[in-house]
C-alpha atoms as a PDB file:
ATOM      1  CA  ALA A   1      42.196  90.918 100.247  1.00  0.00           C
ATOM      2  CA  ASP A   2      41.439  87.891 102.431  1.00  0.00           C
ATOM      3  CA  VAL A   3      40.234  85.884  99.447  1.00  0.00           C
ATOM      4  CA  TYR A   4      43.378  86.716  97.492  1.00  0.00           C
ATOM      5  CA  ALA A   5      45.474  85.737 100.514  1.00  0.00           C
ATOM      6  CA  ALA A   6      43.734  82.344 100.626  1.00  0.00           C
ATOM      7  CA  LEU A   7      44.432  81.912  96.903  1.00  0.00           C
ATOM      8  CA  GLY A   8      48.087  82.871  97.296  1.00  0.00           C
ATOM      9  CA  ARG A   9      47.667  85.879  95.006  1.00  0.00           C
ATOM     10  CA  THR A  10      49.983  88.195  96.910  1.00  0.00           C
ATOM     11  CA  ARG A  11      50.135  91.049  94.404  1.00  0.00           C
ATOM     12  CA  ASP A  12      46.335  91.238  94.135  1.00  0.00           C
ATOM     13  CA  ARG A  13      46.019  91.127  97.913  1.00  0.00           C
ATOM     14  CA  ILE A  14      48.441  94.015  98.344  1.00  0.00           C
ATOM     15  CA  GLU A  15      46.495  96.058  95.770  1.00  0.00           C
ATOM     16  CA  GLN A  16      43.310  95.626  97.810  1.00  0.00           C
ATOM     17  CA  LEU A  17      45.078  96.530 101.054  1.00  0.00           C
ATOM     18  CA  GLU A  18      46.549  99.629  99.408  1.00  0.00           C
ATOM     19  CA  ALA A  19      43.029 100.574  98.274  1.00  0.00           C
ATOM     20  CA  LEU A  20      41.768 100.240 101.848  1.00  0.00           C
ATOM     21  CA  ALA A  21      44.621 102.420 103.097  1.00  0.00           C
ATOM     22  CA  ALA A  22      43.699 105.074 100.534  1.00  0.00           C
ATOM     23  CA  LEU A  23      40.014 104.922 101.528  1.00  0.00           C
ATOM     24  CA  GLU A  24      40.765 105.189 105.252  1.00  0.00           C
ATOM     25  CA  PRO A  25      43.878 107.398 105.577  1.00  0.00           C
ATOM     26  CA  ALA A  26      43.080 108.173 109.228  1.00  0.00           C
ATOM     27  CA  ARG A  27      43.596 104.532 110.257  1.00  0.00           C
ATOM     28  CA  ALA A  28      47.243 103.704 110.801  1.00  0.00           C
ATOM     29  CA  GLU A  29      46.437  99.987 110.891  1.00  0.00           C
ATOM     30  CA  ARG A  30      45.603 100.042 107.169  1.00  0.00           C
ATOM     31  CA  LEU A  31      49.179 100.924 106.181  1.00  0.00           C
ATOM     32  CA  VAL A  32      50.514  98.523 108.809  1.00  0.00           C
ATOM     33  CA  SER A  33      48.548  95.742 107.088  1.00  0.00           C
ATOM     34  CA  VAL A  34      50.044  96.707 103.725  1.00  0.00           C
ATOM     35  CA  ALA A  35      53.544  96.618 105.209  1.00  0.00           C
ATOM     36  CA  ALA A  36      52.889  93.224 106.816  1.00  0.00           C
ATOM     37  CA  ALA A  37      51.787  91.838 103.450  1.00  0.00           C
ATOM     38  CA  TYR A  38      54.968  93.132 101.831  1.00  0.00           C
ATOM     39  CA  GLU A  39      57.052  91.582 104.624  1.00  0.00           C
ATOM     40  CA  ARG A  40      55.398  88.183 104.221  1.00  0.00           C
ATOM     41  CA  ALA A  41      56.119  88.393 100.511  1.00  0.00           C
ATOM     42  CA  GLY A  42      59.798  88.963 101.293  1.00  0.00           C
ATOM     43  CA  ARG A  43      59.713  92.563 100.060  1.00  0.00           C
ATOM     44  CA  ILE A  44      61.410  94.143 103.070  1.00  0.00           C
ATOM     45  CA  ASP A  45      62.283  97.433 101.357  1.00  0.00           C
ATOM     46  CA  ALA A  46      58.669  97.932 100.305  1.00  0.00           C
ATOM     47  CA  ALA A  47      57.500  97.143 103.842  1.00  0.00           C
ATOM     48  CA  LEU A  48      59.899  99.707 105.320  1.00  0.00           C
ATOM     49  CA  THR A  49      58.887 102.344 102.759  1.00  0.00           C
ATOM     50  CA  THR A  50      55.215 101.773 103.613  1.00  0.00           C
ATOM     51  CA  LEU A  51      55.882 102.057 107.323  1.00  0.00           C
ATOM     52  CA  ALA A  52      57.916 105.236 106.809  1.00  0.00           C
ATOM     53  CA  ARG A  53      54.855 106.656 105.059  1.00  0.00           C
ATOM     54  CA  ALA A  54      52.689 105.514 107.970  1.00  0.00           C
ATOM     55  CA  ALA A  55      55.065 107.109 110.494  1.00  0.00           C
ATOM     56  CA  GLU A  56      54.819 110.449 108.657  1.00  0.00           C
ATOM     57  CA  ARG A  57      51.032 110.346 108.761  1.00  0.00           C
ATOM     58  CA  HIS A  58      50.707 108.869 112.255  1.00  0.00           C
ATOM     59  CA  PRO A  59      53.837 109.811 114.255  1.00  0.00           C
ATOM     60  CA  ASP A  60      52.282 108.824 117.593  1.00  0.00           C
ATOM     61  CA  ALA A  61      50.677 105.521 116.581  1.00  0.00           C
ATOM     62  CA  PRO A  62      52.160 102.647 118.651  1.00  0.00           C
ATOM     63  CA  SER A  63      51.112 100.124 116.011  1.00  0.00           C
ATOM     64  CA  VAL A  64      53.354 101.796 113.424  1.00  0.00           C
ATOM     65  CA  ASN A  65      56.473 101.746 115.612  1.00  0.00           C
ATOM     66  CA  THR A  66      55.739  98.166 116.651  1.00  0.00           C
ATOM     67  CA  ALA A  67      55.426  97.095 113.018  1.00  0.00           C
ATOM     68  CA  LEU A  68      58.596  98.996 112.103  1.00  0.00           C
ATOM     69  CA  GLY A  69      60.453  97.293 114.942  1.00  0.00           C
ATOM     70  CA  ARG A  70      59.153  93.889 113.833  1.00  0.00           C
ATOM     71  CA  VAL A  71      60.482  94.335 110.294  1.00  0.00           C
ATOM     72  CA  TRP A  72      63.897  95.594 111.419  1.00  0.00           C
ATOM     73  CA  LEU A  73      64.150  92.800 113.985  1.00  0.00           C
ATOM     74  CA  ALA A  74      63.341  90.151 111.382  1.00  0.00           C
ATOM     75  CA  ASP A  75      65.946  91.697 109.111  1.00  0.00           C
ATOM     76  CA  ALA A  76      68.524  91.624 111.918  1.00  0.00           C
ATOM     77  CA  GLU A  77      67.879  87.943 112.636  1.00  0.00           C
ATOM     78  CA  GLU A  78      68.057  86.941 108.970  1.00  0.00           C
ATOM     79  CA  GLU A  79      71.036  89.093 107.971  1.00  0.00           C
ATOM     80  CA  ASN A  80      74.245  87.103 107.446  1.00  0.00           C
ATOM     81  CA  ASN A  81      76.501  90.161 107.597  1.00  0.00           C
ATOM     82  CA  ALA A  82      77.258  90.978 111.263  1.00  0.00           C
ATOM     83  CA  LEU A  83      77.616  94.718 110.689  1.00  0.00           C
ATOM     84  CA  LEU A  84      74.382  94.972 108.733  1.00  0.00           C
ATOM     85  CA  SER A  85      72.623  92.795 111.308  1.00  0.00           C
ATOM     86  CA  GLN A  86      73.773  95.110 114.115  1.00  0.00           C
ATOM     87  CA  ALA A  87      72.567  98.148 112.169  1.00  0.00           C
ATOM     88  CA  SER A  88      69.127  96.570 111.692  1.00  0.00           C
ATOM     89  CA  LEU A  89      69.001  95.637 115.368  1.00  0.00           C
ATOM     90  CA  ALA A  90      69.807  99.226 116.368  1.00  0.00           C
ATOM     91  CA  LYS A  91      66.925 100.452 114.211  1.00  0.00           C
ATOM     92  CA  ALA A  92      64.608  97.845 115.747  1.00  0.00           C
ATOM     93  CA  LEU A  93      65.515  99.024 119.256  1.00  0.00           C
ATOM     94  CA  GLU A  94      65.039 102.652 118.240  1.00  0.00           C
ATOM     95  CA  ALA A  95      61.558 101.911 116.921  1.00  0.00           C
ATOM     96  CA  LEU A  96      60.440  99.633 119.760  1.00  0.00           C
ATOM     97  CA  GLU A  97      61.765 101.301 122.904  1.00  0.00           C
ATOM     98  CA  PRO A  98      59.380 104.318 122.935  1.00  0.00           C
ATOM     99  CA  THR A  99      56.348 102.101 122.377  1.00  0.00           C
ATOM    100  CA  ALA A 100      57.394  99.405 124.860  1.00  0.00           C
ATOM    101  CA  SER A 101      58.142 102.055 127.492  1.00  0.00           C
ATOM    102  CA  ARG A 102      54.633 103.506 127.368  1.00  0.00           C
ATOM    103  CA  ALA A 103      52.062 102.704 130.014  1.00  0.00           C
ATOM    104  CA  GLY A 104      49.704 100.115 128.584  1.00  0.00           C
ATOM    105  CA  ALA A 105      52.196  98.791 126.037  1.00  0.00           C
ATOM    106  CA  SER A 106      50.896  95.724 124.226  1.00  0.00           C
ATOM    107  CA  SER A 107      52.272  92.245 124.809  1.00  0.00           C
ATOM    108  CA  ASP A 108      53.343  92.210 121.158  1.00  0.00           C
ATOM    109  CA  ALA A 109      55.444  95.384 121.502  1.00  0.00           C
ATOM    110  CA  LEU A 110      56.987  94.174 124.756  1.00  0.00           C
ATOM    111  CA  ALA A 111      57.791  90.759 123.257  1.00  0.00           C
ATOM    112  CA  LEU A 112      59.570  92.297 120.272  1.00  0.00           C
ATOM    113  CA  PHE A 113      61.480  94.756 122.453  1.00  0.00           C
ATOM    114  CA  GLY A 114      62.542  91.966 124.817  1.00  0.00           C
ATOM    115  CA  ARG A 115      63.769  89.884 121.900  1.00  0.00           C
ATOM    116  CA  ALA A 116      65.722  92.866 120.575  1.00  0.00           C
ATOM    117  CA  GLN A 117      67.288  93.440 123.999  1.00  0.00           C
ATOM    118  CA  PHE A 118      68.356  89.808 124.112  1.00  0.00           C
ATOM    119  CA  LEU A 119      69.957  89.980 120.675  1.00  0.00           C
ATOM    120  CA  ASP A 120      71.668  93.173 121.814  1.00  0.00           C
ATOM    121  CA  GLY A 121      73.453  91.193 124.543  1.00  0.00           C
ATOM    122  CA  ARG A 122      71.236  92.257 127.460  1.00  0.00           C
ATOM    123  CA  PRO A 123      69.589  89.053 128.706  1.00  0.00           C
ATOM    124  CA  ASP A 124      68.764  90.484 132.153  1.00  0.00           C
ATOM    125  CA  ALA A 125      66.850  93.415 130.690  1.00  0.00           C
ATOM    126  CA  ALA A 126      65.272  91.090 128.124  1.00  0.00           C
ATOM    127  CA  GLU A 127      63.981  88.730 130.796  1.00  0.00           C
ATOM    128  CA  ARG A 128      62.382  91.617 132.725  1.00  0.00           C
ATOM    129  CA  THR A 129      60.718  92.967 129.589  1.00  0.00           C
ATOM    130  CA  LEU A 130      59.496  89.535 128.511  1.00  0.00           C
ATOM    131  CA  GLU A 131      58.064  88.835 131.947  1.00  0.00           C
ATOM    132  CA  GLN A 132      56.006  91.990 131.431  1.00  0.00           C
ATOM    133  CA  ALA A 133      55.000  90.729 127.995  1.00  0.00           C
ATOM    134  CA  VAL A 134      53.617  87.419 129.293  1.00  0.00           C
ATOM    135  CA  ALA A 135      51.780  89.253 132.078  1.00  0.00           C
ATOM    136  CA  THR A 136      50.004  91.559 129.607  1.00  0.00           C
ATOM    137  CA  LEU A 137      46.709  90.429 128.094  1.00  0.00           C
ATOM    138  CA  PRO A 138      46.126  89.392 125.400  1.00  0.00           C
ATOM    139  CA  VAL A 139      49.484  87.628 125.483  1.00  0.00           C
ATOM    140  CA  GLU A 140      51.562  87.394 122.316  1.00  0.00           C
ATOM    141  CA  PRO A 141      52.489  83.654 122.205  1.00  0.00           C
ATOM    142  CA  ALA A 142      56.026  84.348 120.938  1.00  0.00           C
ATOM    143  CA  ALA A 143      56.700  86.197 124.207  1.00  0.00           C
ATOM    144  CA  TYR A 144      56.846  82.833 125.978  1.00  0.00           C
ATOM    145  CA  LEU A 145      59.379  81.479 123.488  1.00  0.00           C
ATOM    146  CA  TYR A 146      61.566  84.584 123.769  1.00  0.00           C
ATOM    147  CA  LEU A 147      61.317  84.482 127.568  1.00  0.00           C
ATOM    148  CA  SER A 148      62.394  80.840 127.591  1.00  0.00           C
ATOM    149  CA  THR A 149      65.495  81.665 125.553  1.00  0.00           C
ATOM    150  CA  ALA A 150      66.473  84.653 127.702  1.00  0.00           C
ATOM    151  CA  ALA A 151      65.894  82.791 130.975  1.00  0.00           C
ATOM    152  CA  ASP A 152      67.905  79.810 129.722  1.00  0.00           C
ATOM    153  CA  ALA A 153      70.850  82.096 128.923  1.00  0.00           C
ATOM    154  CA  LEU A 154      70.724  83.353 132.514  1.00  0.00           C
ATOM    155  CA  GLY A 155      70.529  79.845 133.987  1.00  0.00           C
ATOM    156  CA  HIS A 156      66.945  80.358 135.182  1.00  0.00           C
ATOM    157  CA  LEU A 157      65.860  76.882 134.174  1.00  0.00           C
ATOM    158  CA  ASP A 158      62.504  76.834 135.980  1.00  0.00           C
ATOM    159  CA  THR A 159      61.378  80.017 134.232  1.00  0.00           C
ATOM    160  CA  SER A 160      62.734  78.813 130.906  1.00  0.00           C
ATOM    161  CA  ARG A 161      60.971  75.456 131.055  1.00  0.00           C
ATOM    162  CA  GLU A 162      57.652  76.857 132.261  1.00  0.00           C
ATOM    163  CA  ALA A 163      57.631  79.492 129.511  1.00  0.00           C
ATOM    164  CA  LEU A 164      58.460  76.927 126.832  1.00  0.00           C
ATOM    165  CA  VAL A 165      55.727  74.551 128.001  1.00  0.00           C
ATOM    166  CA  ARG A 166      53.216  77.420 127.844  1.00  0.00           C
ATOM    167  CA  TYR A 167      54.365  78.332 124.363  1.00  0.00           C
ATOM    168  CA  ILE A 168      53.982  74.741 123.140  1.00  0.00           C
ATOM    169  CA  SER A 169      50.418  74.700 124.498  1.00  0.00           C
ATOM    170  CA  LEU A 170      49.530  77.735 122.377  1.00  0.00           C
ATOM    171  CA  ILE A 171      50.929  76.754 118.964  1.00  0.00           C
ATOM    172  CA  GLY A 172      49.497  74.475 116.315  1.00  0.00           C
ATOM    173  CA  ASP A 173      52.585  73.642 114.261  1.00  0.00           C
ATOM    174  CA  ASP A 174      53.301  69.945 114.891  1.00  0.00           C
ATOM    175  CA  GLU A 175      56.900  70.107 113.693  1.00  0.00           C
ATOM    176  CA  GLU A 176      57.651  73.059 115.969  1.00  0.00           C
ATOM    177  CA  LYS A 177      56.021  71.220 118.864  1.00  0.00           C
ATOM    178  CA  ARG A 178      58.224  68.183 118.168  1.00  0.00           C
ATOM    179  CA  VAL A 179      61.428  70.216 118.162  1.00  0.00           C
ATOM    180  CA  LEU A 180      60.509  72.245 121.244  1.00  0.00           C
ATOM    181  CA  SER A 181      59.362  69.172 123.186  1.00  0.00           C
ATOM    182  CA  ALA A 182      62.920  67.863 122.854  1.00  0.00           C
ATOM    183  CA  ARG A 183      64.143  71.210 124.175  1.00  0.00           C
ATOM    184  CA  VAL A 184      61.868  70.828 127.216  1.00  0.00           C
ATOM    185  CA  ALA A 185      63.374  67.361 127.729  1.00  0.00           C
ATOM    186  CA  ASP A 186      66.860  68.887 127.660  1.00  0.00           C
ATOM    187  CA  LEU A 187      65.880  71.595 130.163  1.00  0.00           C
ATOM    188  CA  SER A 188      64.376  68.910 132.409  1.00  0.00           C
ATOM    189  CA  LEU A 189      67.621  66.923 132.363  1.00  0.00           C
ATOM    190  CA  ARG A 190      69.588  70.031 133.227  1.00  0.00           C
ATOM    191  CA  LYS A 191      67.171  70.567 136.127  1.00  0.00           C
ATOM    192  CA  ASN A 192      67.852  66.974 137.179  1.00  0.00           C
ATOM    193  CA  ASP A 193      64.241  65.986 136.532  1.00  0.00           C
ATOM    194  CA  PRO A 194      64.708  62.787 134.494  1.00  0.00           C
ATOM    195  CA  ALA A 195      61.095  61.685 134.815  1.00  0.00           C
ATOM    196  CA  ALA A 196      59.895  64.854 133.056  1.00  0.00           C
ATOM    197  CA  ALA A 197      62.727  64.493 130.546  1.00  0.00           C
ATOM    198  CA  ILE A 198      61.502  61.009 129.604  1.00  0.00           C
ATOM    199  CA  ALA A 199      57.931  62.250 129.154  1.00  0.00           C
ATOM    200  CA  TRP A 200      58.938  65.174 126.926  1.00  0.00           C
ATOM    201  CA  ALA A 201      61.512  63.231 124.916  1.00  0.00           C
ATOM    202  CA  GLN A 202      58.952  60.511 124.260  1.00  0.00           C
ATOM    203  CA  ARG A 203      56.420  63.148 123.273  1.00  0.00           C
ATOM    204  CA  SER A 204      58.893  64.529 120.755  1.00  0.00           C
ATOM    205  CA  LEU A 205      59.709  61.092 119.362  1.00  0.00           C
ATOM    206  CA  ASP A 206      56.039  60.144 119.101  1.00  0.00           C
ATOM    207  CA  ALA A 207      55.469  63.231 116.953  1.00  0.00           C
ATOM    208  CA  GLY A 208      58.030  61.901 114.448  1.00  0.00           C
ATOM    209  CA  GLY A 209      60.373  63.843 112.201  1.00  0.00           C
ATOM    210  CA  GLY A 210      59.972  65.074 108.674  1.00  0.00           C
ATOM    211  CA  ASP A 211      61.521  61.839 107.364  1.00  0.00           C
ATOM    212  CA  GLY A 212      59.545  59.648 109.755  1.00  0.00           C
ATOM    213  CA  ARG A 213      62.698  58.508 111.569  1.00  0.00           C
ATOM    214  CA  PRO A 214      63.513  59.223 115.233  1.00  0.00           C
ATOM    215  CA  ASP A 215      65.793  62.158 115.972  1.00  0.00           C
ATOM    216  CA  LEU A 216      69.106  60.822 117.313  1.00  0.00           C
ATOM    217  CA  SER A 217      69.722  63.712 119.689  1.00  0.00           C
ATOM    218  CA  THR A 218      66.296  63.167 121.221  1.00  0.00           C
ATOM    219  CA  LEU A 219      67.010  59.439 121.585  1.00  0.00           C
ATOM    220  CA  ALA A 220      70.206  60.369 123.416  1.00  0.00           C
ATOM    221  CA  LEU A 221      68.218  62.630 125.772  1.00  0.00           C
ATOM    222  CA  LEU A 222      65.762  59.806 126.414  1.00  0.00           C
ATOM    223  CA  ALA A 223      68.521  57.270 127.102  1.00  0.00           C
ATOM    224  CA  GLU A 224      70.312  59.686 129.445  1.00  0.00           C
ATOM    225  CA  ALA A 225      67.110  60.212 131.445  1.00  0.00           C
ATOM    226  CA  GLN A 226      66.445  56.472 131.580  1.00  0.00           C
ATOM    227  CA  LEU A 227      69.958  55.821 132.902  1.00  0.00           C
ATOM    228  CA  ARG A 228      69.536  58.455 135.596  1.00  0.00           C
ATOM    229  CA  LEU A 229      66.424  56.605 136.766  1.00  0.00           C
ATOM    230  CA  ALA A 230      68.293  53.266 136.637  1.00  0.00           C
ATOM    231  CA  GLN A 231      66.075  52.049 133.783  1.00  0.00           C
ATOM    232  CA  VAL A 232      69.084  50.326 132.254  1.00  0.00           C
ATOM    233  CA  ASP A 233      67.284  47.856 129.996  1.00  0.00           C
ATOM    234  CA  ALA A 234      65.073  50.599 128.569  1.00  0.00           C
ATOM    235  CA  ALA A 235      68.131  52.795 128.034  1.00  0.00           C
ATOM    236  CA  ARG A 236      69.922  49.988 126.175  1.00  0.00           C
ATOM    237  CA  GLN A 237      66.950  49.558 123.867  1.00  0.00           C
ATOM    238  CA  THR A 238      66.824  53.299 123.194  1.00  0.00           C
ATOM    239  CA  ILE A 239      70.562  53.379 122.480  1.00  0.00           C
ATOM    240  CA  GLN A 240      70.355  50.435 120.107  1.00  0.00           C
ATOM    241  CA  ARG A 241      67.461  52.078 118.325  1.00  0.00           C
ATOM    242  CA  GLY A 242      69.663  55.088 117.648  1.00  0.00           C
ATOM    243  CA  LEU A 243      72.831  53.181 116.770  1.00  0.00           C
ATOM    244  CA  ALA A 244      70.875  51.145 114.244  1.00  0.00           C
ATOM    245  CA  ARG A 245      70.559  54.402 112.315  1.00  0.00           C
ATOM    246  CA  ASP A 246      74.032  55.789 113.011  1.00  0.00           C
ATOM    247  CA  ALA A 247      76.574  53.371 114.442  1.00  0.00           C
ATOM    248  CA  GLY A 248      79.081  56.165 115.005  1.00  0.00           C
ATOM    249  CA  HIS A 249      76.867  58.614 116.908  1.00  0.00           C
ATOM    250  CA  ALA A 250      79.200  59.955 119.621  1.00  0.00           C
ATOM    251  CA  ALA A 251      76.620  60.710 122.324  1.00  0.00           C
ATOM    252  CA  LEU A 252      74.905  57.354 121.919  1.00  0.00           C
ATOM    253  CA  LEU A 253      78.232  55.504 122.028  1.00  0.00           C
ATOM    254  CA  ARG A 254      79.134  57.261 125.286  1.00  0.00           C
ATOM    255  CA  LEU A 255      75.781  56.272 126.722  1.00  0.00           C
ATOM    256  CA  GLN A 256      76.280  52.683 125.533  1.00  0.00           C
ATOM    257  CA  ARG A 257      79.530  52.461 127.509  1.00  0.00           C
ATOM    258  CA  ARG A 258      77.743  53.753 130.612  1.00  0.00           C
ATOM    259  CA  ALA A 259      74.880  51.312 130.125  1.00  0.00           C
ATOM    260  CA  ARG A 260      77.303  48.394 130.278  1.00  0.00           C
END
């Protein structure tokens, strides 16, 4: 199955995982792996059918409910129809709450439940759950990202920034690091910490974008931080760098007037 995964042969991989599940019916994780493979292949209905089969065989297995919650949560976040999205979210909460409420719940289960609570309009409850998630070893990295979002919504900027910095330290995706570094710069500005904002904005810009050109919003963050530290010449250079790409960029034009 691993070899087929490396070769991108999804159907063959799923066949091998199904064979493993048939050989070891007492292990709930085997069916969970099959469902995860279906989910990655975009076959959500097949993933849910597999997990329903797993739930019948292993009604008390936390891994099954966690996997079921993960699929429903992903469906809720991707669904364009608000009513269908809410229905998927309700199913995610139903699957995750019993598992997340257990003593010894995994960081993964807690992270998913906290995310679901946040999407359900309960940021306070989400933040509490996600704080549990990041305090549970081994930590699910996404818990830090979800915690940052929930804390930001509540105006808890210190918690949000710290969680986001931790998340960035754990991931390997350079493009995601670039985007999130700019978000740290924004949080730093909102905390009135322009020195940190400059460092994180520059880090984002140094990483470059997909087209190799600097992101204009990040340049605006950098210029704003430079102005707050009275680095006027540096701010002017940053602004001109951005306006050379888009002479009508509203945020950069506002900053240009201030820099005069």
